[in-house]
């Protein structure tokens, strides 16, 4: 149902992601809004890796409502507030998607709605 697309005619991905993902006709799609590194009790850890863990945990909870898991993610859009936060975010992403990595974009932004937020992650999943 899902096939990673990394054509040999173009440069391989810079990191652990796929250039594209093919989703077969008839698949159900879930689009998750951007999730920030904030827990249900409104706490926000300082560490970008800990914030990324929360982002993906929230996404996993949303996907579970649709009967899906992180294994169904076909596209990730992530935003960090500083180049220094890329490695912490990517370490979490790479650990959570060890095989057939989704298509992925990572953008450095000037900030979010509150200054303590360092990362935001949104996904598309298919089943």
PDB file of N, CA and C in Angstrom:
ATOM      1  N   UNK A   1       0.807  -1.197   0.000  1.00  0.00           N
ATOM      2  CA  UNK A   1       0.000   0.000   0.000  1.00  0.00           C
ATOM      3  C   UNK A   1       0.853   1.264   0.000  1.00  0.00           C
ATOM      4  N   UNK A   2       1.987   1.238   0.692  1.00  0.00           N
ATOM      5  CA  UNK A   2       2.896   2.376   0.711  1.00  0.00           C
ATOM      6  C   UNK A   2       4.225   1.955   0.104  1.00  0.00           C
ATOM      7  N   UNK A   3       4.753   2.804  -0.762  1.00  0.00           N
ATOM      8  CA  UNK A   3       6.039   2.490  -1.383  1.00  0.00           C
ATOM      9  C   UNK A   3       6.917   3.732  -1.317  1.00  0.00           C
ATOM     10  N   UNK A   4       8.130   3.575  -0.771  1.00  0.00           N
ATOM     11  CA  UNK A   4       9.054   4.704  -0.721  1.00  0.00           C
ATOM     12  C   UNK A   4       9.635   4.946  -2.107  1.00  0.00           C
ATOM     13  N   UNK A   5       9.853   6.219  -2.420  1.00  0.00           N
ATOM     14  CA  UNK A   5      10.375   6.624  -3.721  1.00  0.00           C
ATOM     15  C   UNK A   5      11.671   7.401  -3.520  1.00  0.00           C
ATOM     16  N   UNK A   6      12.761   6.786  -3.878  1.00  0.00           N
ATOM     17  CA  UNK A   6      14.069   7.431  -3.820  1.00  0.00           C
ATOM     18  C   UNK A   6      14.781   7.093  -5.128  1.00  0.00           C
ATOM     19  N   UNK A   7      14.451   7.808  -6.208  1.00  0.00           N
ATOM     20  CA  UNK A   7      15.008   7.485  -7.518  1.00  0.00           C
ATOM     21  C   UNK A   7      16.525   7.646  -7.559  1.00  0.00           C
ATOM     22  N   UNK A   8      17.220   6.700  -8.198  1.00  0.00           N
ATOM     23  CA  UNK A   8      18.681   6.772  -8.268  1.00  0.00           C
ATOM     24  C   UNK A   8      19.189   7.921  -9.147  1.00  0.00           C
ATOM     25  N   UNK A   9      18.315   8.540  -9.950  1.00  0.00           N
ATOM     26  CA  UNK A   9      18.730   9.621 -10.841  1.00  0.00           C
ATOM     27  C   UNK A   9      18.907  10.963 -10.121  1.00  0.00           C
ATOM     28  N   UNK A  10      18.475  11.040  -8.852  1.00  0.00           N
ATOM     29  CA  UNK A  10      18.672  12.273  -8.091  1.00  0.00           C
ATOM     30  C   UNK A  10      19.484  11.982  -6.845  1.00  0.00           C
ATOM     31  N   UNK A  11      20.040  13.031  -6.256  1.00  0.00           N
ATOM     32  CA  UNK A  11      20.872  12.873  -5.065  1.00  0.00           C
ATOM     33  C   UNK A  11      20.077  12.196  -3.954  1.00  0.00           C
ATOM     34  N   UNK A  12      20.680  11.247  -3.233  1.00  0.00           N
ATOM     35  CA  UNK A  12      19.981  10.626  -2.103  1.00  0.00           C
ATOM     36  C   UNK A  12      19.609  11.674  -1.053  1.00  0.00           C
ATOM     37  N   UNK A  13      18.622  11.386  -0.217  1.00  0.00           N
ATOM     38  CA  UNK A  13      18.239  12.322   0.840  1.00  0.00           C
ATOM     39  C   UNK A  13      19.429  12.690   1.736  1.00  0.00           C
ATOM     40  N   UNK A  14      19.389  13.895   2.265  1.00  0.00           N
ATOM     41  CA  UNK A  14      20.436  14.377   3.171  1.00  0.00           C
ATOM     42  C   UNK A  14      20.431  13.651   4.500  1.00  0.00           C
ATOM     43  N   UNK A  15      19.279  13.189   4.907  1.00  0.00           N
ATOM     44  CA  UNK A  15      19.143  12.539   6.219  1.00  0.00           C
ATOM     45  C   UNK A  15      18.195  11.350   6.060  1.00  0.00           C
ATOM     46  N   UNK A  16      17.643  10.901   7.170  1.00  0.00           N
ATOM     47  CA  UNK A  16      16.791   9.719   7.165  1.00  0.00           C
ATOM     48  C   UNK A  16      15.353  10.091   6.808  1.00  0.00           C
ATOM     49  N   UNK A  17      15.087  10.219   5.511  1.00  0.00           N
ATOM     50  CA  UNK A  17      13.747  10.443   4.988  1.00  0.00           C
ATOM     51  C   UNK A  17      13.701   9.920   3.562  1.00  0.00           C
ATOM     52  N   UNK A  18      12.508   9.804   3.002  1.00  0.00           N
ATOM     53  CA  UNK A  18      12.339   9.372   1.619  1.00  0.00           C
ATOM     54  C   UNK A  18      11.984  10.585   0.767  1.00  0.00           C
ATOM     55  N   UNK A  19      12.440  10.594  -0.477  1.00  0.00           N
ATOM     56  CA  UNK A  19      12.068  11.696  -1.365  1.00  0.00           C
ATOM     57  C   UNK A  19      10.564  11.709  -1.611  1.00  0.00           C
ATOM     58  N   UNK A  20       9.935  10.550  -1.615  1.00  0.00           N
ATOM     59  CA  UNK A  20       8.498  10.478  -1.826  1.00  0.00           C
ATOM     60  C   UNK A  20       7.940   9.182  -1.290  1.00  0.00           C
ATOM     61  N   UNK A  21       6.631   9.168  -1.114  1.00  0.00           N
ATOM     62  CA  UNK A  21       5.906   7.978  -0.688  1.00  0.00           C
ATOM     63  C   UNK A  21       4.698   7.842  -1.608  1.00  0.00           C
ATOM     64  N   UNK A  22       4.533   6.669  -2.179  1.00  0.00           N
ATOM     65  CA  UNK A  22       3.359   6.399  -2.994  1.00  0.00           C
ATOM     66  C   UNK A  22       2.295   5.753  -2.118  1.00  0.00           C
ATOM     67  N   UNK A  23       1.091   6.292  -2.148  1.00  0.00           N
ATOM     68  CA  UNK A  23      -0.050   5.750  -1.413  1.00  0.00           C
ATOM     69  C   UNK A  23      -1.029   5.243  -2.451  1.00  0.00           C
ATOM     70  N   UNK A  24      -1.392   3.973  -2.360  1.00  0.00           N
ATOM     71  CA  UNK A  24      -2.285   3.383  -3.349  1.00  0.00           C
ATOM     72  C   UNK A  24      -3.702   3.944  -3.237  1.00  0.00           C
ATOM     73  N   UNK A  25      -4.429   3.876  -4.333  1.00  0.00           N
ATOM     74  CA  UNK A  25      -5.805   4.364  -4.381  1.00  0.00           C
ATOM     75  C   UNK A  25      -6.656   3.651  -3.339  1.00  0.00           C
ATOM     76  N   UNK A  26      -7.588   4.390  -2.770  1.00  0.00           N
ATOM     77  CA  UNK A  26      -8.503   3.809  -1.803  1.00  0.00           C
ATOM     78  C   UNK A  26      -8.023   3.872  -0.367  1.00  0.00           C
ATOM     79  N   UNK A  27      -6.835   4.387  -0.137  1.00  0.00           N
ATOM     80  CA  UNK A  27      -6.321   4.483   1.234  1.00  0.00           C
ATOM     81  C   UNK A  27      -7.062   5.583   1.998  1.00  0.00           C
ATOM     82  N   UNK A  28      -7.202   5.366   3.297  1.00  0.00           N
ATOM     83  CA  UNK A  28      -7.729   6.422   4.168  1.00  0.00           C
ATOM     84  C   UNK A  28      -6.573   7.337   4.530  1.00  0.00           C
ATOM     85  N   UNK A  29      -6.802   8.638   4.582  1.00  0.00           N
ATOM     86  CA  UNK A  29      -5.771   9.603   4.946  1.00  0.00           C
ATOM     87  C   UNK A  29      -6.159  10.329   6.224  1.00  0.00           C
ATOM     88  N   UNK A  30      -5.173  10.592   7.062  1.00  0.00           N
ATOM     89  CA  UNK A  30      -5.356  11.420   8.249  1.00  0.00           C
ATOM     90  C   UNK A  30      -4.342  12.547   8.170  1.00  0.00           C
ATOM     91  N   UNK A  31      -4.817  13.775   8.344  1.00  0.00           N
ATOM     92  CA  UNK A  31      -3.964  14.954   8.354  1.00  0.00           C
ATOM     93  C   UNK A  31      -3.935  15.488   9.780  1.00  0.00           C
ATOM     94  N   UNK A  32      -2.770  15.456  10.411  1.00  0.00           N
ATOM     95  CA  UNK A  32      -2.641  15.945  11.783  1.00  0.00           C
ATOM     96  C   UNK A  32      -2.172  17.388  11.768  1.00  0.00           C
ATOM     97  N   UNK A  33      -2.835  18.221  12.524  1.00  0.00           N
ATOM     98  CA  UNK A  33      -2.385  19.591  12.719  1.00  0.00           C
ATOM     99  C   UNK A  33      -1.031  19.596  13.405  1.00  0.00           C
ATOM    100  N   UNK A  34      -0.321  20.697  13.291  1.00  0.00           N
ATOM    101  CA  UNK A  34       0.969  20.827  13.953  1.00  0.00           C
ATOM    102  C   UNK A  34       0.837  20.637  15.452  1.00  0.00           C
ATOM    103  N   UNK A  35       1.709  19.804  16.004  1.00  0.00           N
ATOM    104  CA  UNK A  35       1.721  19.534  17.440  1.00  0.00           C
ATOM    105  C   UNK A  35       2.964  20.161  18.049  1.00  0.00           C
ATOM    106  N   UNK A  36       2.769  20.844  19.159  1.00  0.00           N
ATOM    107  CA  UNK A  36       3.869  21.484  19.885  1.00  0.00           C
ATOM    108  C   UNK A  36       4.291  20.613  21.060  1.00  0.00           C
ATOM    109  N   UNK A  37       5.447  20.894  21.616  1.00  0.00           N
ATOM    110  CA  UNK A  37       5.991  20.118  22.726  1.00  0.00           C
ATOM    111  C   UNK A  37       5.408  20.506  24.056  1.00  0.00           C
ATOM    112  N   UNK A  38       4.101  20.415  24.170  1.00  0.00           N
ATOM    113  CA  UNK A  38       3.415  20.762  25.417  1.00  0.00           C
ATOM    114  C   UNK A  38       2.595  19.561  25.888  1.00  0.00           C
ATOM    115  N   UNK A  39       2.745  19.232  27.160  1.00  0.00           N
ATOM    116  CA  UNK A  39       2.028  18.096  27.741  1.00  0.00           C
ATOM    117  C   UNK A  39       0.593  18.492  28.089  1.00  0.00           C
ATOM    118  N   UNK A  40      -0.235  17.499  28.377  1.00  0.00           N
ATOM    119  CA  UNK A  40      -1.639  17.744  28.736  1.00  0.00           C
ATOM    120  C   UNK A  40      -1.758  18.621  29.979  1.00  0.00           C
ATOM    121  N   UNK A  41      -0.748  18.594  30.861  1.00  0.00           N
ATOM    122  CA  UNK A  41      -0.784  19.428  32.068  1.00  0.00           C
ATOM    123  C   UNK A  41      -0.185  20.814  31.836  1.00  0.00           C
ATOM    124  N   UNK A  42       0.033  21.178  30.571  1.00  0.00           N
ATOM    125  CA  UNK A  42       0.553  22.486  30.145  1.00  0.00           C
ATOM    126  C   UNK A  42       2.037  22.698  30.423  1.00  0.00           C
ATOM    127  N   UNK A  43       2.776  21.653  30.794  1.00  0.00           N
ATOM    128  CA  UNK A  43       4.211  21.822  30.981  1.00  0.00           C
ATOM    129  C   UNK A  43       4.924  21.687  29.638  1.00  0.00           C
ATOM    130  N   UNK A  44       6.008  22.454  29.518  1.00  0.00           N
ATOM    131  CA  UNK A  44       6.818  22.454  28.300  1.00  0.00           C
ATOM    132  C   UNK A  44       8.268  22.245  28.712  1.00  0.00           C
ATOM    133  N   UNK A  45       8.867  21.110  28.352  1.00  0.00           N
ATOM    134  CA  UNK A  45      10.269  20.902  28.716  1.00  0.00           C
ATOM    135  C   UNK A  45      11.177  21.869  27.961  1.00  0.00           C
ATOM    136  N   UNK A  46      12.327  22.128  28.510  1.00  0.00           N
ATOM    137  CA  UNK A  46      13.301  23.027  27.885  1.00  0.00           C
ATOM    138  C   UNK A  46      13.970  22.382  26.678  1.00  0.00           C
ATOM    139  N   UNK A  47      14.261  21.100  26.766  1.00  0.00           N
ATOM    140  CA  UNK A  47      15.031  20.379  25.755  1.00  0.00           C
ATOM    141  C   UNK A  47      14.215  20.144  24.486  1.00  0.00           C
ATOM    142  N   UNK A  48      14.817  20.429  23.329  1.00  0.00           N
ATOM    143  CA  UNK A  48      14.112  20.240  22.057  1.00  0.00           C
ATOM    144  C   UNK A  48      13.787  18.767  21.808  1.00  0.00           C
ATOM    145  N   UNK A  49      14.665  17.864  22.195  1.00  0.00           N
ATOM    146  CA  UNK A  49      14.382  16.442  22.039  1.00  0.00           C
ATOM    147  C   UNK A  49      13.165  16.026  22.843  1.00  0.00           C
ATOM    148  N   UNK A  50      13.063  16.512  24.065  1.00  0.00           N
ATOM    149  CA  UNK A  50      11.900  16.196  24.903  1.00  0.00           C
ATOM    150  C   UNK A  50      10.632  16.795  24.297  1.00  0.00           C
ATOM    151  N   UNK A  51      10.743  17.994  23.733  1.00  0.00           N
ATOM    152  CA  UNK A  51       9.586  18.591  23.062  1.00  0.00           C
ATOM    153  C   UNK A  51       9.182  17.763  21.839  1.00  0.00           C
ATOM    154  N   UNK A  52      10.156  17.294  21.071  1.00  0.00           N
ATOM    155  CA  UNK A  52       9.862  16.466  19.896  1.00  0.00           C
ATOM    156  C   UNK A  52       9.187  15.167  20.316  1.00  0.00           C
ATOM    157  N   UNK A  53       9.632  14.581  21.421  1.00  0.00           N
ATOM    158  CA  UNK A  53       8.995  13.357  21.935  1.00  0.00           C
ATOM    159  C   UNK A  53       7.511  13.606  22.199  1.00  0.00           C
ATOM    160  N   UNK A  54       7.202  14.747  22.793  1.00  0.00           N
ATOM    161  CA  UNK A  54       5.808  15.084  23.087  1.00  0.00           C
ATOM    162  C   UNK A  54       5.034  15.282  21.787  1.00  0.00           C
ATOM    163  N   UNK A  55       5.633  15.984  20.829  1.00  0.00           N
ATOM    164  CA  UNK A  55       4.971  16.196  19.529  1.00  0.00           C
ATOM    165  C   UNK A  55       4.564  14.854  18.925  1.00  0.00           C
ATOM    166  N   UNK A  56       5.502  13.928  18.846  1.00  0.00           N
ATOM    167  CA  UNK A  56       5.219  12.631  18.231  1.00  0.00           C
ATOM    168  C   UNK A  56       4.283  11.778  19.086  1.00  0.00           C
ATOM    169  N   UNK A  57       4.355  11.897  20.412  1.00  0.00           N
ATOM    170  CA  UNK A  57       3.419  11.171  21.276  1.00  0.00           C
ATOM    171  C   UNK A  57       1.998  11.680  21.046  1.00  0.00           C
ATOM    172  N   UNK A  58       1.845  12.996  20.920  1.00  0.00           N
ATOM    173  CA  UNK A  58       0.527  13.565  20.628  1.00  0.00           C
ATOM    174  C   UNK A  58       0.022  13.079  19.278  1.00  0.00           C
ATOM    175  N   UNK A  59       0.902  13.058  18.293  1.00  0.00           N
ATOM    176  CA  UNK A  59       0.534  12.584  16.957  1.00  0.00           C
ATOM    177  C   UNK A  59       0.110  11.117  17.024  1.00  0.00           C
ATOM    178  N   UNK A  60       0.852  10.305  17.756  1.00  0.00           N
ATOM    179  CA  UNK A  60       0.496   8.887  17.901  1.00  0.00           C
ATOM    180  C   UNK A  60      -0.891   8.739  18.521  1.00  0.00           C
ATOM    181  N   UNK A  61      -1.217   9.583  19.472  1.00  0.00           N
ATOM    182  CA  UNK A  61      -2.538   9.547  20.113  1.00  0.00           C
ATOM    183  C   UNK A  61      -3.634   9.928  19.126  1.00  0.00           C
ATOM    184  N   UNK A  62      -3.380  10.943  18.311  1.00  0.00           N
ATOM    185  CA  UNK A  62      -4.345  11.358  17.282  1.00  0.00           C
ATOM    186  C   UNK A  62      -4.543  10.234  16.272  1.00  0.00           C
ATOM    187  N   UNK A  63      -3.445   9.638  15.822  1.00  0.00           N
ATOM    188  CA  UNK A  63      -3.544   8.551  14.847  1.00  0.00           C
ATOM    189  C   UNK A  63      -4.285   7.351  15.416  1.00  0.00           C
ATOM    190  N   UNK A  64      -4.098   7.068  16.692  1.00  0.00           N
ATOM    191  CA  UNK A  64      -4.784   5.947  17.329  1.00  0.00           C
ATOM    192  C   UNK A  64      -6.303   6.119  17.259  1.00  0.00           C
ATOM    193  N   UNK A  65      -6.771   7.360  17.307  1.00  0.00           N
ATOM    194  CA  UNK A  65      -8.209   7.632  17.183  1.00  0.00           C
ATOM    195  C   UNK A  65      -8.748   7.147  15.835  1.00  0.00           C
ATOM    196  N   UNK A  66      -7.867   7.102  14.824  1.00  0.00           N
ATOM    197  CA  UNK A  66      -8.254   6.649  13.486  1.00  0.00           C
ATOM    198  C   UNK A  66      -7.816   5.210  13.224  1.00  0.00           C
ATOM    199  N   UNK A  67      -7.338   4.518  14.266  1.00  0.00           N
ATOM    200  CA  UNK A  67      -6.893   3.140  14.105  1.00  0.00           C
ATOM    201  C   UNK A  67      -5.554   3.027  13.399  1.00  0.00           C
ATOM    202  N   UNK A  68      -4.727   4.042  13.513  1.00  0.00           N
ATOM    203  CA  UNK A  68      -3.413   4.049  12.873  1.00  0.00           C
ATOM    204  C   UNK A  68      -2.320   4.226  13.930  1.00  0.00           C
ATOM    205  N   UNK A  69      -1.066   4.038  13.470  1.00  0.00           N
ATOM    206  CA  UNK A  69       0.110   4.245  14.317  1.00  0.00           C
ATOM    207  C   UNK A  69       1.103   5.116  13.556  1.00  0.00           C
ATOM    208  N   UNK A  70       2.224   5.384  14.183  1.00  0.00           N
ATOM    209  CA  UNK A  70       3.279   6.143  13.501  1.00  0.00           C
ATOM    210  C   UNK A  70       3.773   5.420  12.253  1.00  0.00           C
ATOM    211  N   UNK A  71       3.607   4.110  12.185  1.00  0.00           N
ATOM    212  CA  UNK A  71       4.018   3.352  11.006  1.00  0.00           C
ATOM    213  C   UNK A  71       3.210   3.744   9.773  1.00  0.00           C
ATOM    214  N   UNK A  72       2.074   4.397   9.961  1.00  0.00           N
ATOM    215  CA  UNK A  72       1.240   4.840   8.850  1.00  0.00           C
ATOM    216  C   UNK A  72       1.614   6.225   8.328  1.00  0.00           C
ATOM    217  N   UNK A  73       2.560   6.894   8.977  1.00  0.00           N
ATOM    218  CA  UNK A  73       2.934   8.256   8.563  1.00  0.00           C
ATOM    219  C   UNK A  73       3.648   8.211   7.219  1.00  0.00           C
ATOM    220  N   UNK A  74       3.167   9.025   6.285  1.00  0.00           N
ATOM    221  CA  UNK A  74       3.778   9.105   4.954  1.00  0.00           C
ATOM    222  C   UNK A  74       4.462  10.446   4.721  1.00  0.00           C
ATOM    223  N   UNK A  75       4.158  11.459   5.518  1.00  0.00           N
ATOM    224  CA  UNK A  75       4.725  12.784   5.329  1.00  0.00           C
ATOM    225  C   UNK A  75       4.861  13.478   6.667  1.00  0.00           C
ATOM    226  N   UNK A  76       6.034  14.088   6.900  1.00  0.00           N
ATOM    227  CA  UNK A  76       6.282  14.885   8.100  1.00  0.00           C
ATOM    228  C   UNK A  76       6.696  16.281   7.666  1.00  0.00           C
ATOM    229  N   UNK A  77       6.071  17.282   8.254  1.00  0.00           N
ATOM    230  CA  UNK A  77       6.543  18.664   8.142  1.00  0.00           C
ATOM    231  C   UNK A  77       6.928  19.088   9.549  1.00  0.00           C
ATOM    232  N   UNK A  78       8.172  19.499   9.728  1.00  0.00           N
ATOM    233  CA  UNK A  78       8.641  19.894  11.054  1.00  0.00           C
ATOM    234  C   UNK A  78       9.258  21.275  10.975  1.00  0.00           C
ATOM    235  N   UNK A  79       9.143  21.993  12.079  1.00  0.00           N
ATOM    236  CA  UNK A  79       9.630  23.360  12.166  1.00  0.00           C
ATOM    237  C   UNK A  79      10.398  23.503  13.474  1.00  0.00           C
ATOM    238  N   UNK A  80      11.599  24.046  13.417  1.00  0.00           N
ATOM    239  CA  UNK A  80      12.392  24.322  14.613  1.00  0.00           C
ATOM    240  C   UNK A  80      12.781  25.796  14.604  1.00  0.00           C
ATOM    241  N   UNK A  81      13.042  26.326  15.787  1.00  0.00           N
ATOM    242  CA  UNK A  81      13.321  27.760  15.888  1.00  0.00           C
ATOM    243  C   UNK A  81      14.798  28.127  15.772  1.00  0.00           C
ATOM    244  N   UNK A  82      15.659  27.131  15.621  1.00  0.00           N
ATOM    245  CA  UNK A  82      17.086  27.419  15.507  1.00  0.00           C
ATOM    246  C   UNK A  82      17.783  26.224  14.873  1.00  0.00           C
ATOM    247  N   UNK A  83      18.807  26.489  14.098  1.00  0.00           N
ATOM    248  CA  UNK A  83      19.594  25.422  13.479  1.00  0.00           C
ATOM    249  C   UNK A  83      20.141  24.468  14.553  1.00  0.00           C
ATOM    250  N   UNK A  84      20.428  24.984  15.719  1.00  0.00           N
ATOM    251  CA  UNK A  84      20.957  24.173  16.816  1.00  0.00           C
ATOM    252  C   UNK A  84      19.952  23.122  17.285  1.00  0.00           C
ATOM    253  N   UNK A  85      18.669  23.292  16.989  1.00  0.00           N
ATOM    254  CA  UNK A  85      17.635  22.342  17.417  1.00  0.00           C
ATOM    255  C   UNK A  85      17.425  21.208  16.419  1.00  0.00           C
ATOM    256  N   UNK A  86      18.035  21.291  15.252  1.00  0.00           N
ATOM    257  CA  UNK A  86      17.824  20.267  14.225  1.00  0.00           C
ATOM    258  C   UNK A  86      18.245  18.878  14.699  1.00  0.00           C
ATOM    259  N   UNK A  87      19.414  18.770  15.279  1.00  0.00           N
ATOM    260  CA  UNK A  87      19.939  17.457  15.684  1.00  0.00           C
ATOM    261  C   UNK A  87      19.051  16.792  16.732  1.00  0.00           C
ATOM    262  N   UNK A  88      18.582  17.547  17.713  1.00  0.00           N
ATOM    263  CA  UNK A  88      17.713  16.979  18.752  1.00  0.00           C
ATOM    264  C   UNK A  88      16.403  16.480  18.184  1.00  0.00           C
ATOM    265  N   UNK A  89      15.810  17.254  17.285  1.00  0.00           N
ATOM    266  CA  UNK A  89      14.575  16.829  16.634  1.00  0.00           C
ATOM    267  C   UNK A  89      14.829  15.594  15.772  1.00  0.00           C
ATOM    268  N   UNK A  90      15.875  15.632  14.948  1.00  0.00           N
ATOM    269  CA  UNK A  90      16.155  14.546  14.012  1.00  0.00           C
ATOM    270  C   UNK A  90      16.466  13.239  14.728  1.00  0.00           C
ATOM    271  N   UNK A  91      17.098  13.306  15.885  1.00  0.00           N
ATOM    272  CA  UNK A  91      17.388  12.085  16.644  1.00  0.00           C
ATOM    273  C   UNK A  91      16.097  11.379  17.051  1.00  0.00           C
ATOM    274  N   UNK A  92      15.108  12.158  17.470  1.00  0.00           N
ATOM    275  CA  UNK A  92      13.812  11.577  17.851  1.00  0.00           C
ATOM    276  C   UNK A  92      13.116  11.031  16.613  1.00  0.00           C
ATOM    277  N   UNK A  93      13.059  11.823  15.551  1.00  0.00           N
ATOM    278  CA  UNK A  93      12.407  11.372  14.314  1.00  0.00           C
ATOM    279  C   UNK A  93      13.028  10.077  13.806  1.00  0.00           C
ATOM    280  N   UNK A  94      14.348  10.033  13.750  1.00  0.00           N
ATOM    281  CA  UNK A  94      15.031   8.858  13.200  1.00  0.00           C
ATOM    282  C   UNK A  94      14.798   7.605  14.049  1.00  0.00           C
ATOM    283  N   UNK A  95      14.716   7.777  15.370  1.00  0.00           N
ATOM    284  CA  UNK A  95      14.463   6.636  16.257  1.00  0.00           C
ATOM    285  C   UNK A  95      13.034   6.112  16.077  1.00  0.00           C
ATOM    286  N   UNK A  96      12.088   7.016  15.855  1.00  0.00           N
ATOM    287  CA  UNK A  96      10.687   6.618  15.746  1.00  0.00           C
ATOM    288  C   UNK A  96      10.321   6.066  14.368  1.00  0.00           C
ATOM    289  N   UNK A  97      11.144   6.353  13.355  1.00  0.00           N
ATOM    290  CA  UNK A  97      10.876   5.895  11.989  1.00  0.00           C
ATOM    291  C   UNK A  97      12.114   5.184  11.447  1.00  0.00           C
ATOM    292  N   UNK A  98      12.432   4.003  12.020  1.00  0.00           N
ATOM    293  CA  UNK A  98      13.675   3.325  11.658  1.00  0.00           C
ATOM    294  C   UNK A  98      13.673   2.689  10.271  1.00  0.00           C
ATOM    295  N   UNK A  99      12.509   2.318   9.763  1.00  0.00           N
ATOM    296  CA  UNK A  99      12.423   1.673   8.453  1.00  0.00           C
ATOM    297  C   UNK A  99      11.445   2.428   7.575  1.00  0.00           C
ATOM    298  N   UNK A 100      11.708   2.430   6.278  1.00  0.00           N
ATOM    299  CA  UNK A 100      10.841   3.116   5.326  1.00  0.00           C
ATOM    300  C   UNK A 100      10.465   4.514   5.822  1.00  0.00           C
ATOM    301  N   UNK A 101      11.446   5.378   5.988  1.00  0.00           N
ATOM    302  CA  UNK A 101      11.161   6.701   6.547  1.00  0.00           C
ATOM    303  C   UNK A 101      10.211   7.492   5.657  1.00  0.00           C
ATOM    304  N   UNK A 102       9.328   8.290   6.266  1.00  0.00           N
ATOM    305  CA  UNK A 102       8.386   9.089   5.504  1.00  0.00           C
ATOM    306  C   UNK A 102       9.092  10.181   4.698  1.00  0.00           C
ATOM    307  N   UNK A 103       8.360  10.748   3.751  1.00  0.00           N
ATOM    308  CA  UNK A 103       8.813  11.987   3.119  1.00  0.00           C
ATOM    309  C   UNK A 103       8.840  13.034   4.234  1.00  0.00           C
ATOM    310  N   UNK A 104       9.793  13.968   4.180  1.00  0.00           N
ATOM    311  CA  UNK A 104       9.961  14.864   5.318  1.00  0.00           C
ATOM    312  C   UNK A 104      10.551  16.203   4.897  1.00  0.00           C
ATOM    313  N   UNK A 105      10.054  17.252   5.531  1.00  0.00           N
ATOM    314  CA  UNK A 105      10.603  18.594   5.356  1.00  0.00           C
ATOM    315  C   UNK A 105      10.888  19.164   6.737  1.00  0.00           C
ATOM    316  N   UNK A 106      12.026  19.817   6.882  1.00  0.00           N
ATOM    317  CA  UNK A 106      12.405  20.473   8.134  1.00  0.00           C
ATOM    318  C   UNK A 106      12.741  21.920   7.821  1.00  0.00           C
ATOM    319  N   UNK A 107      12.050  22.849   8.479  1.00  0.00           N
ATOM    320  CA  UNK A 107      12.205  24.274   8.216  1.00  0.00           C
ATOM    321  C   UNK A 107      12.591  24.994   9.502  1.00  0.00           C
ATOM    322  N   UNK A 108      13.485  25.949   9.392  1.00  0.00           N
ATOM    323  CA  UNK A 108      13.840  26.799  10.532  1.00  0.00           C
ATOM    324  C   UNK A 108      12.954  28.043  10.468  1.00  0.00           C
ATOM    325  N   UNK A 109      12.251  28.300  11.569  1.00  0.00           N
ATOM    326  CA  UNK A 109      11.314  29.423  11.639  1.00  0.00           C
ATOM    327  C   UNK A 109      11.747  30.398  12.729  1.00  0.00           C
ATOM    328  N   UNK A 110      11.176  31.591  12.707  1.00  0.00           N
ATOM    329  CA  UNK A 110      11.576  32.614  13.683  1.00  0.00           C
ATOM    330  C   UNK A 110      10.947  32.403  15.048  1.00  0.00           C
ATOM    331  N   UNK A 111       9.879  31.638  15.144  1.00  0.00           N
ATOM    332  CA  UNK A 111       9.275  31.392  16.446  1.00  0.00           C
ATOM    333  C   UNK A 111       7.861  30.872  16.318  1.00  0.00           C
ATOM    334  N   UNK A 112       7.269  30.554  17.484  1.00  0.00           N
ATOM    335  CA  UNK A 112       5.904  30.058  17.564  1.00  0.00           C
ATOM    336  C   UNK A 112       5.092  30.988  18.461  1.00  0.00           C
ATOM    337  N   UNK A 113       3.899  30.565  18.809  1.00  0.00           N
ATOM    338  CA  UNK A 113       2.993  31.420  19.579  1.00  0.00           C
ATOM    339  C   UNK A 113       3.505  31.750  20.982  1.00  0.00           C
ATOM    340  N   UNK A 114       4.323  30.873  21.519  1.00  0.00           N
ATOM    341  CA  UNK A 114       4.943  31.133  22.826  1.00  0.00           C
ATOM    342  C   UNK A 114       6.428  30.889  22.699  1.00  0.00           C
ATOM    343  N   UNK A 115       7.234  31.695  23.351  1.00  0.00           N
ATOM    344  CA  UNK A 115       8.690  31.628  23.160  1.00  0.00           C
ATOM    345  C   UNK A 115       9.344  30.334  23.634  1.00  0.00           C
ATOM    346  N   UNK A 116       8.717  29.586  24.537  1.00  0.00           N
ATOM    347  CA  UNK A 116       9.332  28.354  25.030  1.00  0.00           C
ATOM    348  C   UNK A 116       9.244  27.196  24.039  1.00  0.00           C
ATOM    349  N   UNK A 117       8.376  27.309  23.027  1.00  0.00           N
ATOM    350  CA  UNK A 117       8.262  26.258  22.027  1.00  0.00           C
ATOM    351  C   UNK A 117       9.439  26.309  21.069  1.00  0.00           C
ATOM    352  N   UNK A 118      10.047  25.142  20.814  1.00  0.00           N
ATOM    353  CA  UNK A 118      11.216  25.052  19.931  1.00  0.00           C
ATOM    354  C   UNK A 118      10.964  24.214  18.688  1.00  0.00           C
ATOM    355  N   UNK A 119       9.911  23.399  18.710  1.00  0.00           N
ATOM    356  CA  UNK A 119       9.636  22.494  17.591  1.00  0.00           C
ATOM    357  C   UNK A 119       8.127  22.301  17.448  1.00  0.00           C
ATOM    358  N   UNK A 120       7.704  22.166  16.199  1.00  0.00           N
ATOM    359  CA  UNK A 120       6.320  21.822  15.885  1.00  0.00           C
ATOM    360  C   UNK A 120       6.351  20.793  14.779  1.00  0.00           C
ATOM    361  N   UNK A 121       5.482  19.787  14.874  1.00  0.00           N
ATOM    362  CA  UNK A 121       5.483  18.692  13.900  1.00  0.00           C
ATOM    363  C   UNK A 121       4.053  18.429  13.452  1.00  0.00           C
ATOM    364  N   UNK A 122       3.879  18.316  12.119  1.00  0.00           N
ATOM    365  CA  UNK A 122       2.594  17.903  11.550  1.00  0.00           C
ATOM    366  C   UNK A 122       2.836  16.736  10.615  1.00  0.00           C
ATOM    367  N   UNK A 123       1.854  15.870  10.483  1.00  0.00           N
ATOM    368  CA  UNK A 123       2.033  14.684   9.637  1.00  0.00           C
ATOM    369  C   UNK A 123       0.792  14.405   8.798  1.00  0.00           C
ATOM    370  N   UNK A 124       1.004  13.596   7.768  1.00  0.00           N
ATOM    371  CA  UNK A 124      -0.058  12.966   6.998  1.00  0.00           C
ATOM    372  C   UNK A 124       0.181  11.469   7.127  1.00  0.00           C
ATOM    373  N   UNK A 125      -0.886  10.719   7.401  1.00  0.00           N
ATOM    374  CA  UNK A 125      -0.797   9.268   7.533  1.00  0.00           C
ATOM    375  C   UNK A 125      -1.802   8.608   6.583  1.00  0.00           C
ATOM    376  N   UNK A 126      -1.494   7.388   6.172  1.00  0.00           N
ATOM    377  CA  UNK A 126      -2.369   6.666   5.257  1.00  0.00           C
ATOM    378  C   UNK A 126      -2.489   5.210   5.685  1.00  0.00           C
ATOM    379  N   UNK A 127      -3.695   4.670   5.519  1.00  0.00           N
ATOM    380  CA  UNK A 127      -3.937   3.253   5.825  1.00  0.00           C
ATOM    381  C   UNK A 127      -4.981   2.705   4.875  1.00  0.00           C
TER     382      UNK A 127
END
